[in-house]
Amino acid sequence: MVLALLGSLLITAATPSEAPLVPFFVPRSLEVGVFINSPLVTPHFRLSWEGAIIDQPRNVLEWNLAVGSGFGVAPPSPMTAHFQHVVLGGVGYRSDRQLLHWGFRVTAGPLWYRAAFAPGSFYAFENRVVGYAEGRVQAGLRLQPHLRLAAYVGFGAPFTFQRQYPGNTYVGNFNVGVVLDWW
């Protein structure tokens, strides 16, 4: 049994994996989505770098690093503006079949948000950095050996909510969008 296990590991290790199309320092995906945190809706974009931790022919455990920004649309009164910038790191799983692609990822990192309020309102301008965690699942099509297009749904939230800062209640929440991966 041990011999069979060693043999299968050697065969898997000897199977050539598809080499990445781009070098490691070039972003490998573009995400465009929207946070839905009623009544505030926040369109956002992200660039991501990813690489394999464990790479098998159909399954990949990967590390992920993402940076991005989002700007709130029609903030609730007395808020006049809300935006968030994020740097996230984490791990994910990806499975590529002949035509289909699916996966999930869990990431965390610092999020900088700003919330402006109408002059004379009870609330003060907020400019804070908070810890943030996010998880999501995605499914889509493998268009070419190195190109995938997928839709995703997820949820993200700060590590803590503080009532004295009402702007942080509009950070993250439900997240939907599309992602284009090139590898």
Protein backbone atom coordinates (compact mmCIF):
# COMPACT_ATOMS: atom_id res chain seq x y z
CA MET A 1 0.00 0.00 0.00
CA VAL A 2 2.86 2.37 0.83
CA LEU A 3 4.51 1.47 -2.48
CA ALA A 4 1.28 2.29 -4.37
CA LEU A 5 1.04 5.64 -2.56
CA LEU A 6 4.66 6.52 -3.37
CA GLY A 7 4.18 5.48 -6.98
CA SER A 8 1.08 7.62 -7.40
CA LEU A 9 2.86 10.61 -5.82
CA LEU A 10 5.81 10.19 -8.21
CA ILE A 11 3.50 9.95 -11.21
CA THR A 12 1.58 13.06 -10.10
CA ALA A 13 4.82 14.96 -9.48
CA ALA A 14 6.16 13.94 -12.89
CA THR A 15 3.00 15.08 -14.71
CA PRO A 16 3.86 18.37 -16.36
CA SER A 17 1.61 21.24 -15.32
CA GLU A 18 0.68 24.05 -17.66
CA ALA A 19 3.25 26.78 -17.25
CA PRO A 20 1.84 30.22 -16.38
CA LEU A 21 1.26 32.54 -19.31
CA VAL A 22 2.47 35.62 -17.40
CA PRO A 23 5.30 36.12 -14.87
CA PHE A 24 4.45 36.14 -11.16
CA PHE A 25 4.63 39.93 -10.80
CA VAL A 26 1.90 40.58 -13.41
CA PRO A 27 -1.68 40.52 -12.03
CA ARG A 28 -3.51 37.33 -12.97
CA SER A 29 -7.12 38.40 -12.61
CA LEU A 30 -9.45 41.37 -12.80
CA GLU A 31 -12.60 41.44 -10.70
CA VAL A 32 -15.48 43.86 -11.18
CA GLY A 33 -18.31 43.66 -8.70
CA VAL A 34 -20.69 45.43 -6.39
CA PHE A 35 -21.20 45.35 -2.63
CA ILE A 36 -24.89 45.39 -1.71
CA ASN A 37 -25.27 46.97 1.71
CA SER A 38 -28.74 48.54 1.61
CA PRO A 39 -29.24 51.41 1.07
CA LEU A 40 -25.62 51.88 -0.07
CA VAL A 41 -24.38 50.11 -3.20
CA THR A 42 -20.61 50.13 -3.78
CA PRO A 43 -19.21 49.22 -7.23
CA HIS A 44 -15.62 48.03 -6.95
CA PHE A 45 -12.72 46.55 -8.89
CA ARG A 46 -9.72 44.45 -7.87
CA LEU A 47 -6.50 43.21 -9.37
CA SER A 48 -5.27 39.87 -8.06
CA TRP A 49 -2.05 37.91 -8.08
CA GLU A 50 -2.24 34.18 -7.47
CA GLY A 51 0.03 31.20 -7.51
CA ALA A 52 -0.14 27.49 -6.88
CA ILE A 53 0.67 25.98 -3.51
CA ILE A 54 -0.37 22.49 -4.61
CA ASP A 55 -0.95 22.01 -8.33
CA GLN A 56 -2.64 18.88 -9.66
CA PRO A 57 -4.01 18.37 -13.17
CA ARG A 58 -7.56 19.47 -12.26
CA ASN A 59 -7.23 20.88 -8.74
CA VAL A 60 -5.15 23.77 -7.46
CA LEU A 61 -4.71 25.04 -3.92
CA GLU A 62 -3.47 28.59 -4.40
CA TRP A 63 -2.34 31.69 -2.55
CA ASN A 64 -3.97 34.98 -3.47
CA LEU A 65 -3.11 38.66 -3.07
CA ALA A 66 -5.63 41.31 -4.17
CA VAL A 67 -5.76 45.12 -4.17
CA GLY A 68 -8.79 47.18 -5.05
CA SER A 69 -11.09 50.13 -4.52
CA GLY A 70 -14.80 50.75 -4.23
CA PHE A 71 -16.87 53.93 -4.25
CA GLY A 72 -20.35 54.17 -2.74
CA VAL A 73 -23.25 55.23 -4.96
CA ALA A 74 -26.08 57.35 -3.48
CA PRO A 75 -25.03 57.15 0.20
CA PRO A 76 -27.82 57.49 2.77
CA SER A 77 -28.39 60.88 4.37
CA PRO A 78 -26.54 62.52 6.15
CA MET A 79 -23.61 60.65 4.56
CA THR A 80 -22.32 62.40 1.44
CA ALA A 81 -19.51 60.05 0.33
CA HIS A 82 -18.14 56.60 1.15
CA PHE A 83 -15.20 54.71 -0.33
CA GLN A 84 -13.01 51.77 0.60
CA HIS A 85 -9.58 50.56 -0.49
CA VAL A 86 -8.36 47.09 0.37
CA VAL A 87 -5.29 44.82 0.34
CA LEU A 88 -6.21 41.17 0.90
CA GLY A 89 -4.21 37.97 1.18
CA GLY A 90 -5.42 34.41 1.58
CA VAL A 91 -5.89 30.98 0.07
CA GLY A 92 -8.28 29.48 -2.43
CA TYR A 93 -9.18 26.37 -4.35
CA ARG A 94 -9.68 26.19 -8.10
CA SER A 95 -10.92 23.30 -10.23
CA ASP A 96 -10.65 23.47 -14.01
CA ARG A 97 -12.37 20.97 -16.26
CA GLN A 98 -12.39 20.95 -20.05
CA LEU A 99 -15.04 23.67 -20.23
CA LEU A 100 -16.12 24.45 -16.66
CA HIS A 101 -14.27 26.27 -13.90
CA TRP A 102 -15.22 26.70 -10.23
CA GLY A 103 -13.54 27.59 -6.99
CA PHE A 104 -13.62 29.48 -3.72
CA ARG A 105 -11.33 31.71 -1.70
CA VAL A 106 -10.96 33.15 1.78
CA THR A 107 -8.94 36.33 2.27
CA ALA A 108 -8.24 38.91 4.97
CA GLY A 109 -6.31 42.13 5.32
CA PRO A 110 -6.48 45.85 6.04
CA LEU A 111 -9.25 47.98 4.58
CA TRP A 112 -9.07 51.78 4.54
CA TYR A 113 -12.41 53.51 4.32
CA ARG A 114 -13.56 57.12 4.39
CA ALA A 115 -17.04 58.36 5.10
CA ALA A 116 -18.01 62.02 4.72
CA PHE A 117 -21.12 63.51 6.27
CA ALA A 118 -23.11 66.68 5.59
CA PRO A 119 -21.85 69.79 7.38
CA GLY A 120 -23.67 70.33 10.66
CA SER A 121 -24.68 66.67 10.99
CA PHE A 122 -24.19 64.77 14.21
CA TYR A 123 -21.45 62.58 12.66
CA ALA A 124 -17.81 63.49 12.10
CA PHE A 125 -15.73 62.68 9.02
CA GLU A 126 -14.34 59.12 9.24
CA ASN A 127 -10.92 58.11 7.91
CA ARG A 128 -10.09 54.69 9.35
CA VAL A 129 -8.24 51.45 8.71
CA VAL A 130 -10.00 48.29 9.89
CA GLY A 131 -9.30 44.57 9.69
CA TYR A 132 -11.43 42.91 7.02
CA ALA A 133 -12.22 39.31 5.99
CA GLU A 134 -13.98 38.04 2.87
CA GLY A 135 -15.07 34.72 1.43
CA ARG A 136 -16.55 33.89 -1.96
CA VAL A 137 -17.41 31.13 -4.41
CA GLN A 138 -17.15 31.40 -8.17
CA ALA A 139 -18.21 29.38 -11.19
CA GLY A 140 -17.79 29.95 -14.88
CA LEU A 141 -16.25 28.89 -18.15
CA ARG A 142 -12.73 28.01 -19.15
CA LEU A 143 -12.51 29.89 -22.44
CA GLN A 144 -8.91 28.94 -23.30
CA PRO A 145 -6.30 26.89 -21.45
CA HIS A 146 -5.08 30.10 -19.77
CA LEU A 147 -8.31 32.15 -19.70
CA ARG A 148 -11.36 31.83 -17.43
CA LEU A 149 -14.50 33.94 -17.05
CA ALA A 150 -16.65 33.42 -13.96
CA ALA A 151 -19.39 34.95 -11.85
CA TYR A 152 -18.94 35.11 -8.11
CA VAL A 153 -20.93 35.69 -4.93
CA GLY A 154 -19.45 36.34 -1.52
CA PHE A 155 -19.60 38.12 1.80
CA GLY A 156 -17.12 40.41 3.51
CA ALA A 157 -17.10 42.31 6.78
CA PRO A 158 -14.79 44.20 9.13
CA PHE A 159 -13.45 42.23 12.10
CA THR A 160 -15.36 44.53 14.47
CA PHE A 161 -18.19 47.05 14.21
CA GLN A 162 -18.10 50.18 16.34
CA ARG A 163 -21.30 52.16 16.82
CA GLN A 164 -19.51 55.49 17.19
CA TYR A 165 -18.33 55.09 13.56
CA PRO A 166 -21.45 54.68 11.41
CA GLY A 167 -19.38 54.55 8.19
CA ASN A 168 -17.95 51.15 9.06
CA THR A 169 -21.42 49.59 8.94
CA TYR A 170 -21.30 50.19 5.16
CA VAL A 171 -17.98 48.40 4.66
CA GLY A 172 -18.26 45.13 2.74
CA ASN A 173 -21.41 42.94 3.00
CA PHE A 174 -22.85 40.84 0.14
CA ASN A 175 -20.66 40.95 -2.96
CA VAL A 176 -21.49 39.83 -6.52
CA GLY A 177 -19.61 40.29 -9.76
CA VAL A 178 -17.52 38.80 -12.53
CA VAL A 179 -13.88 37.80 -12.62
CA LEU A 180 -11.58 37.34 -15.62
CA ASP A 181 -8.56 35.12 -14.85
CA TRP A 182 -5.58 34.69 -17.11
CA TRP A 183 -2.85 32.31 -16.01
